[in-house]
Amino acid sequence: MTETIPQPRTHVAADRIEDTAPESAKPGLLVFAPLRIEANAVRRGLTRPGSQVLRTGMGGTRAKRSAVKSQPHSFGATVVMGTAAGLSDDLSPGDLVVATEVSDGETTVALPGAALLAAELRRAGLNARAGRLVTVGKLVRSAERVRLASDGYLAADMESAALVAALAGTAAGHPVAVIRAVSDAGFGPGMVSGGMAALRSLRLAAPVAEKWAAACRQRTVLLAGPRSFCAGVERAIEIVERALELRGAPVYVRKQIVHNTRVVSDLEQRGAVFVDELDEVPDGATVVFSAHGVSPAVRTDASGRGLSVIDATCPLVSKVHAEARRFAREGYTVALIGHAGHEEVEGTLGEAPDSTVLVQTAQDVASLDVADPSKLAFLMQTTLAIDEAADVAGALRDKFPQMRAPGSDDICYATTNRQAAVRAVAAEADLVLVAGSANSSNSVRLVERSQRDGTPAHLIDGATDIDLAWLSGVSVVGLTAGASAPPAVVSEIIDALSGLGTVTVTERVTTTESVQFGLPREVR
């Protein structure tokens, strides 16, 4: 039997957001600590008014009785804190285990806020891991420890399952977390020597628990639509997957196939090998060019070494490359609006290096000098912020009125759509979270777009990157994902937020997408 605390999130469709949170979150943190020595350690670490520690007594029966008599509804959140027996060989005395679930062998209760809390503890300099916790009725000896560890439990205690179950029965929807400090490796001889390290960790963890409690409240998550993968990213990932299926590992990929650490890690586990340059690829091997494209010089190098090339360049990037070649053939100087060092920009510059100049900002235009002002054309990196690119293009137009434009917009449809969608949610949100990696240009632009509209925004690779301080006082969270971020990351973030209180999920769709790109013949 498995339960989840707090109550499951709900999904609604609405034209406007109604704030489901109370005017202010309930103040304070309630800590359940079984033993007096544990309670004292936690109490010494607390820093905020309104936080209280309740000593529950040792063992499940006494702990449950104390929890039932307490008044958790008067507090913003409850955290169970105490020591535990470590079951994993890589845990040391003083390490913290934040329970993703607690079980007494019959009933299992999931605690979805564990990832956020464990990450916050690590940022505070503590060794913390999120994992499964088991509650037992007596001290764990060696044989039992081995069995519990083989079942996937990180630590064992004697109260947490009873305390959490009591809260589930008396305070449904109340945010609950469990932090246990490892005092030994199985209630063995090292328990006394490890006890001091465990108590110190409990004291240091106390202010982090308060920070977690301050972030707890009912809230709305406003999803931007569209979000996550675009057609070009889906195509590039599928190309690598198909290459692995058809040709077997290893398949080499020049640069990251798309700019997302999760995608790259997943493909690495399947046998993809990511390299910076072709000299790292054995002669005759299969190599995939990333979605951002490459210069002709890279293609020539690959051909000369007999590499079997599969090109995953996004068709919209290939279009910009073709425009660069066409303008250069016609005698134009090409002003490429983009960011220095980005792989897409490097590839486009390489198409006509003697005829192309990079322009990054409107200020760069003042110093731009071309041989024939009547023969200037401009192109754009496909992942730019729309207004940023328009400012640079406008400055170019003011200085070079005869400047030619590309036949159609270079900024891709997905970039445009995601920026429009994030603006829609930012207008109603207290905070915007953008799922994406730091080297993802389109993801960074979504953060900047929200910030320019006056809404605080942060880029996160996943839920564990969320700083709990961002969420204090926040009732409506806007959530989107860059074009290279997997949809699963969005679900992960929502699940983590649900551990801080009941979450209502509402989607704001500004447009729908139906674009699809075919695969190259090598992997069909």
Foldseek 3Di string as FASTA:
>chain_A
DEAEPADAFAEDADPADDQPWPPAAQAEEEEEEADPLLQVLLVLQDDDPRYDYDHQHAAAVSNLVSLLPDDLVNHLAYEYEEAWAFLDPPDDQLAKEKEQWEEAPPYIYGQLQRLQLQLLLVVLVGHYDYFHEYAYGDFFDDVNSNVVVVVGHGTYGGHDVSNVVSCCVVPHQHFYIYMHGYQYNGPDPSNVVSVVSRSNSSSSSNHSVNLLSLLFIEFAEEEFPPFAADQLLVQLLVQLVLCCVVPNADAEEAAQLAAAPVSSVVSVVSHYHYDPACVVPQQQEHYEYHQLAAAVVRVVVCVVRNYRYFYSHRVLLVLLLVVLLVLVVVPAQEEEEDDPPQRNVNRSCRSPVVRYDYDHALVSLVPDDDPDLLRYEYAYDQQAQPVRVVRNVVSSCVVRVNYHYDPDHSHDPQLVQRLVRLVVQLVNWQEEEEAGDPSRSSSVSSQVSSVVVPHHYDYDNAQSVDDSNSSRVTRYYYYHYHNNHDPVRVVSNVSNSVSSGHYYYYYDHPDDDDDHDDGDPVRD
